[in-house]
Amino acid sequence: MTHPQICAAAVICKTILAVACLPQIASGQSSVRQAPAMIVPLNRAVDSSPSPFGLTNIFFASPSPETQRAMRTGEGWTGIQIADIVEGDSLKTIYAARFKMPGSDQMHYVVDTAGNLDFAHGQSLTFVPWPHILVANLDLDVHTTRGPHRRIPYQVSQSDDGYTYARIAEYLTGRMQVDGKDHAVKVRSAYRDEPFYGPSSGTVFLIDLDGNGEIAEKPSVTLNGAPAAAEQVMARTPFMLGGKAWEITDVDPMGSRLVIRPTKARVAAVENFKAPEIRARTLSGRRYRLSKQSGVVLVEFWSVSCGYCEKSRPAANDLADAERGSSFTWLAIARENDRVEIERFLVAHPMSATVALNDSSAWAIYNPSGVTPFFVVVDSKGVIRFRAAGASAIEPVAAKVKMLSPVAR
């Protein structure tokens, strides 16, 4: 695992494929609020495996004098450091502490599970070995400053890269029927500081969109070489199911039910919807419009400071070379808006793309989370056919482009 960066899903690490952070805002969306809602009951489940989903770093440091005065510790503890494992708006902070005992170099870990800095009566962590990681499971009483609270399964893990991580180990399952076909639903927290569910980026919604009985949590290439997209949808953003457009309008904060309604949206920055317009200024000064393109377009959101973008760059350049002679276009929209900075970067890191300066509208509509690299494949009719994030996504992205834009090979 690696230290978290702004690049896509950095905490997902060197051994796990990157997880997409997808748009929350759809362009051209027009919801049918009067349409009957579908209520999907949800059931809780515990994921005790060392899953990368929702995993984020925790950093240990010496407590401040004020915090140290409020702490209760055991007798003989030395070298005490603490790290917050739950911390956020309206949440009561819960800490983990690590320390040594006299005459030993072994590090011990304990959590003030009630968030009261009483480590002497907290829960000691017992780590179980998995490949490349040690995992400790525990339950936490998570409180808000307004009163509501939940008891939630958590994990603290130590990786062989030297970092310590935490995540919520709970997820929700349900089933919905559309046109007589059963579709599995899975809901989980996106981050360790989001213990309550809601129609926001803090909650991840996954639906078996193709009805094959399995939920794809990340993009991949199947054994026969076909690209498979992640079956992740966003609240209040349309998705296609059973040939109809739907949207998630609400989820109970405690995770007991999901509310889904039909929608009349036809334009949105998601698969199987008309792509919202992109107007960008290229490095050459030309004005680019997505709607004017006649062939397949690969839109990449990238940054000169993103190392993960560079990991995907050779394969992206190979794709552009393979599609040469077709009407394929690779539009790379930078996070930066400094032409000189980008041009200087491209001298050392060539891209076989139409490179554009930052376009805030495109980023807000297609990639509001700001993850890089983020890829969107638009077919020749202007319909989005694939989205994926992270360096590892370039393989299924390239497979999708080749499927939509065949050329002599």
Protein backbone atom coordinates (compact mmCIF):
# COMPACT_ATOMS: atom_id res chain seq x y z
CA MET A 1 0.00 0.00 0.00
CA THR A 2 1.03 3.55 -0.55
CA HIS A 3 0.72 6.87 1.20
CA PRO A 4 -2.61 8.49 0.12
CA GLN A 5 -2.40 11.12 -2.60
CA ILE A 6 -4.87 13.06 -4.69
CA CYS A 7 -4.34 10.49 -7.44
CA ALA A 8 -7.01 7.82 -7.81
CA ALA A 9 -7.58 5.56 -4.84
CA ALA A 10 -4.01 5.76 -3.64
CA VAL A 11 -4.82 3.83 -0.50
CA ILE A 12 -5.99 0.92 -2.61
CA CYS A 13 -2.28 0.34 -3.12
CA LYS A 14 0.14 -1.56 -5.23
CA THR A 15 -1.66 -4.87 -4.76
CA ILE A 16 -5.31 -3.83 -5.25
CA LEU A 17 -6.95 -2.28 -8.32
CA ALA A 18 -8.00 1.33 -7.98
CA VAL A 19 -11.57 2.11 -7.10
CA ALA A 20 -13.45 4.72 -9.02
CA CYS A 21 -14.75 7.90 -7.41
CA LEU A 22 -17.66 8.72 -9.70
CA PRO A 23 -19.61 11.94 -10.37
CA GLN A 24 -22.43 12.97 -8.07
CA ILE A 25 -23.87 15.67 -10.32
CA ALA A 26 -25.59 14.83 -13.59
CA SER A 27 -26.05 17.30 -16.39
CA GLY A 28 -29.47 17.64 -17.93
CA GLN A 29 -31.11 15.62 -15.16
CA SER A 30 -34.90 15.98 -14.83
CA SER A 31 -36.33 13.77 -12.13
CA VAL A 32 -39.91 12.54 -12.00
CA ARG A 33 -40.58 13.14 -8.32
CA GLN A 34 -44.24 12.16 -8.68
CA ALA A 35 -43.40 8.66 -9.94
CA PRO A 36 -43.94 5.83 -7.45
CA ALA A 37 -40.92 4.99 -5.36
CA MET A 38 -39.40 1.55 -5.01
CA ILE A 39 -38.45 0.79 -1.40
CA VAL A 40 -35.54 -1.65 -1.07
CA PRO A 41 -35.11 -3.12 2.45
CA LEU A 42 -31.44 -3.42 3.46
CA ASN A 43 -29.74 -5.95 5.72
CA ARG A 44 -26.42 -5.50 7.51
CA ALA A 45 -23.41 -7.74 6.88
CA VAL A 46 -19.85 -7.72 8.22
CA ASP A 47 -16.84 -7.96 5.92
CA SER A 48 -14.07 -9.41 8.08
CA SER A 49 -11.63 -9.79 5.17
CA PRO A 50 -9.00 -7.07 4.60
CA SER A 51 -11.03 -5.33 1.91
CA PRO A 52 -9.57 -2.15 0.40
CA PHE A 53 -12.96 -0.45 0.12
CA GLY A 54 -13.27 2.54 2.42
CA LEU A 55 -9.72 2.06 3.64
CA THR A 56 -7.79 5.20 4.63
CA ASN A 57 -4.61 5.92 6.53
CA ILE A 58 -4.42 6.76 10.20
CA PHE A 59 -1.32 8.56 11.46
CA PHE A 60 0.06 8.17 14.98
CA ALA A 61 1.65 11.12 16.75
CA SER A 62 2.36 12.27 20.30
CA PRO A 63 -0.79 13.68 21.92
CA SER A 64 -1.07 17.39 22.62
CA PRO A 65 -0.63 18.44 26.25
CA GLU A 66 -4.36 19.11 26.51
CA THR A 67 -5.25 15.67 25.13
CA GLN A 68 -2.62 13.99 27.27
CA ARG A 69 -4.16 15.48 30.42
CA ALA A 70 -7.55 14.06 29.44
CA MET A 71 -6.21 10.57 28.68
CA ARG A 72 -6.38 7.57 30.99
CA THR A 73 -3.63 5.04 30.32
CA GLY A 74 -2.35 1.84 31.85
CA GLU A 75 0.49 1.57 34.31
CA GLY A 76 3.96 1.61 32.82
CA TRP A 77 2.97 2.62 29.30
CA THR A 78 5.76 4.44 27.45
CA GLY A 79 6.15 6.19 24.10
CA ILE A 80 2.40 6.71 23.81
CA GLN A 81 1.10 7.94 20.44
CA ILE A 82 -2.47 8.36 19.28
CA ALA A 83 -4.35 8.53 15.97
CA ASP A 84 -7.98 9.28 15.23
CA ILE A 85 -9.80 6.39 13.60
CA VAL A 86 -13.17 8.17 13.52
CA GLU A 87 -13.20 11.92 13.05
CA GLY A 88 -15.48 14.16 11.07
CA ASP A 89 -18.19 16.79 11.01
CA SER A 90 -20.66 16.22 13.87
CA LEU A 91 -18.83 13.05 14.96
CA LYS A 92 -17.31 12.41 18.35
CA THR A 93 -13.65 11.53 17.74
CA ILE A 94 -12.49 8.02 18.59
CA TYR A 95 -8.77 7.39 19.00
CA ALA A 96 -6.39 4.46 18.80
CA ALA A 97 -3.28 4.53 20.98
CA ARG A 98 -0.05 2.60 20.64
CA PHE A 99 2.59 2.19 23.32
CA LYS A 100 5.35 0.00 24.71
CA MET A 101 5.66 -1.75 28.03
CA PRO A 102 8.83 -1.58 30.16
CA GLY A 103 11.54 -3.93 28.98
CA SER A 104 9.89 -4.64 25.63
CA ASP A 105 10.12 -3.19 22.12
CA GLN A 106 6.80 -4.71 21.10
CA MET A 107 4.14 -2.16 20.16
CA HIS A 108 0.69 -2.58 21.73
CA TYR A 109 -2.52 -1.05 20.37
CA VAL A 110 -5.75 -0.09 22.15
CA VAL A 111 -8.86 1.88 21.13
CA ASP A 112 -11.07 4.11 23.29
CA THR A 113 -14.14 2.50 21.75
CA ALA A 114 -16.55 4.96 23.42
CA GLY A 115 -14.56 8.04 22.34
CA ASN A 116 -13.73 9.18 25.87
CA LEU A 117 -9.89 8.92 25.79
CA ASP A 118 -10.07 6.15 28.41
CA PHE A 119 -7.46 3.83 26.95
CA ALA A 120 -6.96 2.02 30.26
CA HIS A 121 -10.42 0.51 29.82
CA GLY A 122 -10.41 0.49 26.02
CA GLN A 123 -10.26 -2.47 23.67
CA SER A 124 -6.86 -4.02 23.01
CA LEU A 125 -6.32 -4.93 19.38
CA THR A 126 -5.34 -8.45 18.35
CA PHE A 127 -3.92 -8.53 14.83
CA VAL A 128 -4.48 -11.54 12.58
CA PRO A 129 -2.05 -12.09 9.68
CA TRP A 130 -3.23 -11.91 6.07
CA PRO A 131 -0.99 -11.64 2.99
CA HIS A 132 0.90 -8.34 3.23
CA ILE A 133 -1.26 -7.07 6.09
CA LEU A 134 -2.23 -7.56 9.75
CA VAL A 135 -5.90 -7.03 10.59
CA ALA A 136 -7.65 -6.36 13.91
CA ASN A 137 -11.46 -6.36 14.15
CA LEU A 138 -13.43 -4.41 16.74
CA ASP A 139 -16.79 -2.71 17.37
CA LEU A 140 -17.13 1.02 17.95
CA ASP A 141 -19.90 3.15 19.45
CA VAL A 142 -19.99 6.04 17.00
CA HIS A 143 -21.80 9.14 18.29
CA THR A 144 -22.81 12.39 16.65
CA THR A 145 -22.76 15.69 18.52
CA ARG A 146 -26.53 15.83 17.98
CA GLY A 147 -27.17 12.57 19.83
CA PRO A 148 -27.72 9.69 17.33
CA HIS A 149 -25.26 6.85 17.62
CA ARG A 150 -24.54 3.45 16.11
CA ARG A 151 -22.45 0.44 17.05
CA ILE A 152 -20.43 -0.43 13.97
CA PRO A 153 -17.81 -3.07 13.09
CA TYR A 154 -14.43 -1.50 12.31
CA GLN A 155 -11.01 -2.70 11.25
CA VAL A 156 -7.54 -1.41 12.01
CA SER A 157 -4.79 -2.87 9.87
CA GLN A 158 -1.02 -2.68 9.54
CA SER A 159 0.46 -3.09 6.08
CA ASP A 160 3.91 -4.31 5.14
CA ASP A 161 4.50 -0.86 3.62
CA GLY A 162 4.75 0.58 7.13
CA TYR A 163 1.38 2.37 7.21
CA THR A 164 -1.63 1.81 9.44
CA TYR A 165 -5.17 1.94 8.07
CA ALA A 166 -8.77 1.87 9.28
CA ARG A 167 -12.15 1.26 7.68
CA ILE A 168 -15.78 0.51 8.43
CA ALA A 169 -16.21 -3.25 8.03
CA GLU A 170 -19.99 -3.13 7.58
CA TYR A 171 -21.95 -3.19 4.34
CA LEU A 172 -25.64 -3.49 3.45
CA THR A 173 -27.36 -5.88 1.06
CA GLY A 174 -30.76 -5.87 -0.59
CA ARG A 175 -32.63 -6.96 -3.70
CA MET A 176 -34.88 -5.13 -6.16
CA GLN A 177 -37.07 -6.41 -8.97
CA VAL A 178 -37.45 -4.63 -12.29
CA ASP A 179 -39.63 -6.16 -15.01
CA GLY A 180 -39.66 -9.45 -13.16
CA LYS A 181 -35.87 -9.69 -12.94
CA ASP A 182 -34.04 -9.78 -9.63
CA HIS A 183 -31.08 -7.42 -9.07
CA ALA A 184 -28.76 -7.49 -6.07
CA VAL A 185 -27.99 -4.24 -4.25
CA LYS A 186 -24.98 -3.46 -2.07
CA VAL A 187 -24.40 -0.30 -0.05
CA ARG A 188 -21.30 0.58 1.95
CA SER A 189 -19.53 3.56 3.47
CA ALA A 190 -17.01 5.24 1.21
CA TYR A 191 -14.74 6.38 4.05
CA ARG A 192 -13.99 5.40 7.63
CA ASP A 193 -15.42 8.75 8.82
CA GLU A 194 -18.85 8.13 7.24
CA PRO A 195 -20.63 5.75 9.63
CA PHE A 196 -24.11 7.07 8.77
CA TYR A 197 -25.59 6.48 5.32
CA GLY A 198 -26.95 9.17 3.04
CA PRO A 199 -27.46 10.23 -0.60
CA SER A 200 -23.96 11.71 -0.82
CA SER A 201 -20.39 10.85 -1.76
CA GLY A 202 -19.92 9.28 1.67
CA THR A 203 -22.04 6.30 0.64
CA VAL A 204 -21.27 3.88 -2.21
CA PHE A 205 -24.18 2.26 -4.07
CA LEU A 206 -23.64 -0.88 -6.16
CA ILE A 207 -26.34 -2.63 -8.22
CA ASP A 208 -26.20 -5.75 -10.39
CA LEU A 209 -27.05 -3.69 -13.47
CA ASP A 210 -26.65 -6.49 -16.02
CA GLY A 211 -28.62 -8.97 -13.91
CA ASN A 212 -25.97 -11.68 -14.09
CA GLY A 213 -26.21 -12.40 -10.37
CA GLU A 214 -22.91 -10.71 -9.47
CA ILE A 215 -21.97 -7.13 -8.59
CA ALA A 216 -18.80 -5.82 -10.25
CA GLU A 217 -17.13 -3.53 -7.69
CA LYS A 218 -14.30 -2.47 -9.98
CA PRO A 219 -13.71 -2.36 -13.75
CA SER A 220 -12.01 -5.37 -15.31
CA VAL A 221 -11.36 -7.31 -18.47
CA THR A 222 -13.10 -10.67 -18.65
CA LEU A 223 -11.39 -13.92 -19.66
CA ASN A 224 -12.61 -13.46 -23.25
CA GLY A 225 -11.10 -9.97 -23.38
CA ALA A 226 -14.34 -8.00 -22.99
CA PRO A 227 -14.37 -4.89 -20.78
CA ALA A 228 -16.60 -4.96 -17.71
CA ALA A 229 -17.51 -1.71 -15.97
CA ALA A 230 -17.92 -1.24 -12.23
CA GLU A 231 -21.61 -1.43 -11.35
CA GLN A 232 -21.53 1.62 -9.13
CA VAL A 233 -24.26 4.27 -9.23
CA MET A 234 -24.54 7.60 -7.46
CA ALA A 235 -27.45 9.03 -5.53
CA ARG A 236 -29.61 11.46 -7.52
CA THR A 237 -27.72 10.49 -10.68
CA PRO A 238 -29.56 8.38 -13.27
CA PHE A 239 -28.70 4.80 -14.16
CA MET A 240 -30.19 2.30 -16.60
CA LEU A 241 -31.81 -0.89 -15.35
CA GLY A 242 -34.13 -3.11 -17.34
CA GLY A 243 -34.13 -0.62 -20.20
CA LYS A 244 -35.48 2.14 -17.93
CA ALA A 245 -33.87 5.12 -16.24
CA TRP A 246 -33.82 5.20 -12.43
CA GLU A 247 -32.19 7.18 -9.65
CA ILE A 248 -31.50 6.68 -5.95
CA THR A 249 -33.29 9.46 -4.10
CA ASP A 250 -32.69 8.54 -0.47
CA VAL A 251 -31.22 6.05 1.98
CA ASP A 252 -31.99 5.72 5.67
CA PRO A 253 -29.11 7.08 7.85
CA MET A 254 -29.10 3.84 9.84
CA GLY A 255 -29.03 1.75 6.67
CA SER A 256 -32.44 0.10 6.84
CA ARG A 257 -33.87 1.00 3.42
CA LEU A 258 -33.11 2.48 0.02
CA VAL A 259 -35.50 4.62 -2.03
CA ILE A 260 -35.35 4.40 -5.84
CA ARG A 261 -37.55 6.23 -8.38
CA PRO A 262 -37.90 6.36 -12.18
CA THR A 263 -36.43 9.42 -13.88
CA LYS A 264 -36.82 11.09 -17.27
CA ALA A 265 -33.14 12.06 -17.44
CA ARG A 266 -31.52 11.40 -20.79
CA VAL A 267 -28.33 13.48 -20.50
CA ALA A 268 -25.90 12.61 -17.71
CA ALA A 269 -22.20 11.91 -17.18
CA VAL A 270 -22.82 8.18 -16.68
CA GLU A 271 -22.96 5.05 -18.84
CA ASN A 272 -25.78 4.71 -21.39
CA PHE A 273 -26.75 8.39 -21.23
CA LYS A 274 -26.02 11.20 -23.67
CA ALA A 275 -22.71 12.81 -22.74
CA PRO A 276 -22.99 16.38 -21.45
CA GLU A 277 -21.22 18.90 -23.63
CA ILE A 278 -17.52 19.55 -23.07
CA ARG A 279 -16.03 22.83 -24.23
CA ALA A 280 -12.31 23.06 -23.65
CA ARG A 281 -9.32 25.11 -24.80
CA THR A 282 -6.46 23.00 -26.16
CA LEU A 283 -2.77 23.81 -25.71
CA SER A 284 -2.69 25.01 -29.31
CA GLY A 285 -5.42 27.54 -28.52
CA ARG A 286 -8.12 25.69 -30.44
CA ARG A 287 -11.63 25.47 -29.01
CA TYR A 288 -12.72 21.86 -28.56
CA ARG A 289 -16.37 20.70 -28.42
CA LEU A 290 -17.23 17.10 -27.64
CA SER A 291 -20.49 17.27 -29.60
CA LYS A 292 -18.54 18.04 -32.80
CA GLN A 293 -16.62 14.74 -32.70
CA SER A 294 -17.80 12.03 -35.08
CA GLY A 295 -15.88 9.04 -33.72
CA VAL A 296 -15.12 7.42 -30.39
CA VAL A 297 -13.68 9.79 -27.78
CA LEU A 298 -11.63 8.88 -24.74
CA VAL A 299 -11.79 11.73 -22.21
CA GLU A 300 -9.11 11.59 -19.51
CA PHE A 301 -8.94 13.85 -16.48
CA TRP A 302 -5.32 14.05 -15.36
CA SER A 303 -2.70 16.15 -13.59
CA VAL A 304 0.99 16.81 -14.03
CA SER A 305 1.42 15.95 -10.34
CA CYS A 306 -0.34 12.58 -10.54
CA GLY A 307 2.07 9.66 -10.52
CA TYR A 308 -0.77 7.25 -11.24
CA CYS A 309 -1.50 9.09 -14.48
CA GLU A 310 2.06 8.31 -15.54
CA LYS A 311 1.58 4.63 -14.74
CA SER A 312 -1.28 4.48 -17.24
CA ARG A 313 0.39 6.70 -19.82
CA PRO A 314 2.34 4.04 -21.82
CA ALA A 315 -0.80 1.94 -22.36
CA ALA A 316 -2.81 5.06 -23.29
CA ASN A 317 -0.17 6.07 -25.83
CA ASP A 318 -0.20 2.53 -27.23
CA LEU A 319 -3.98 2.74 -27.59
CA ALA A 320 -3.73 6.04 -29.48
CA ASP A 321 -1.12 4.52 -31.80
CA ALA A 322 -3.28 1.44 -32.41
CA GLU A 323 -6.29 3.62 -33.28
CA ARG A 324 -4.33 5.87 -35.61
CA GLY A 325 -6.17 6.15 -38.92
CA SER A 326 -9.61 5.85 -37.30
CA SER A 327 -11.80 8.70 -36.08
CA PHE A 328 -10.73 8.05 -32.48
CA THR A 329 -9.86 11.06 -30.30
CA TRP A 330 -8.11 11.09 -26.95
CA LEU A 331 -8.93 14.30 -25.08
CA ALA A 332 -6.79 14.80 -21.96
CA ILE A 333 -8.16 17.58 -19.73
CA ALA A 334 -5.56 18.74 -17.22
CA ARG A 335 -6.21 19.81 -13.68
CA GLU A 336 -3.78 22.66 -14.29
CA ASN A 337 -4.49 25.81 -16.27
CA ASP A 338 -0.89 26.97 -16.74
CA ARG A 339 0.01 26.37 -20.38
CA VAL A 340 3.76 26.70 -19.77
CA GLU A 341 3.69 24.22 -16.89
CA ILE A 342 1.82 21.64 -18.96
CA GLU A 343 3.99 22.09 -22.05
CA ARG A 344 7.15 21.75 -19.97
CA PHE A 345 5.79 18.54 -18.45
CA LEU A 346 4.87 17.08 -21.85
CA VAL A 347 8.43 17.50 -23.13
CA ALA A 348 9.56 14.85 -20.66
CA HIS A 349 6.27 12.90 -20.63
CA PRO A 350 4.81 12.82 -24.16
CA MET A 351 1.09 12.16 -24.63
CA SER A 352 -0.45 11.14 -27.95
CA ALA A 353 -3.54 13.11 -27.00
CA THR A 354 -5.32 16.37 -27.63
CA VAL A 355 -4.31 18.05 -24.38
CA ALA A 356 -6.63 20.69 -22.97
CA LEU A 357 -6.24 23.22 -20.18
CA ASN A 358 -8.40 22.90 -17.08
CA ASP A 359 -12.10 23.20 -17.81
CA SER A 360 -13.91 23.65 -14.50
CA SER A 361 -17.31 22.83 -15.96
CA ALA A 362 -16.14 19.47 -17.35
CA TRP A 363 -14.48 18.55 -14.07
CA ALA A 364 -17.58 19.51 -12.07
CA ILE A 365 -19.94 17.49 -14.25
CA TYR A 366 -17.82 14.45 -15.10
CA ASN A 367 -15.38 14.19 -12.22
CA PRO A 368 -16.53 16.26 -9.21
CA SER A 369 -14.46 14.15 -6.81
CA GLY A 370 -11.33 15.24 -8.67
CA VAL A 371 -9.85 11.75 -8.89
CA THR A 372 -7.00 11.24 -11.37
CA PRO A 373 -6.64 9.55 -13.72
CA PHE A 374 -10.34 9.34 -14.57
CA PHE A 375 -11.47 7.95 -17.94
CA VAL A 376 -14.74 8.35 -19.87
CA VAL A 377 -15.39 6.57 -23.18
CA VAL A 378 -17.96 8.21 -25.48
CA ASP A 379 -19.18 6.37 -28.59
CA SER A 380 -19.67 7.85 -32.06
CA LYS A 381 -23.28 8.75 -31.22
CA GLY A 382 -22.24 10.80 -28.20
CA VAL A 383 -23.37 8.24 -25.62
CA ILE A 384 -21.13 7.36 -22.65
CA ARG A 385 -20.26 3.66 -22.73
CA PHE A 386 -17.60 3.31 -20.04
CA ARG A 387 -16.13 5.13 -17.04
CA ALA A 388 -13.30 4.07 -14.76
CA ALA A 389 -10.68 5.56 -12.45
CA GLY A 390 -7.12 4.69 -11.56
CA ALA A 391 -4.03 3.56 -13.43
CA SER A 392 -5.22 -0.05 -13.45
CA ALA A 393 -8.39 0.97 -15.32
CA ILE A 394 -6.57 1.67 -18.56
CA GLU A 395 -6.74 -1.99 -19.63
CA PRO A 396 -10.56 -2.28 -19.64
CA VAL A 397 -10.79 1.29 -20.98
CA ALA A 398 -8.59 0.37 -23.94
CA ALA A 399 -10.62 -2.81 -24.51
CA LYS A 400 -13.81 -0.77 -24.63
CA VAL A 401 -12.35 1.75 -27.10
CA LYS A 402 -11.21 -1.06 -29.39
CA MET A 403 -14.63 -2.69 -29.19
CA LEU A 404 -16.39 0.54 -30.19
CA SER A 405 -13.83 1.70 -32.75
CA PRO A 406 -12.47 -1.32 -34.64
CA VAL A 407 -9.65 -0.67 -37.06
CA ALA A 408 -7.46 -2.97 -39.09
CA ARG A 409 -4.93 -4.55 -36.78
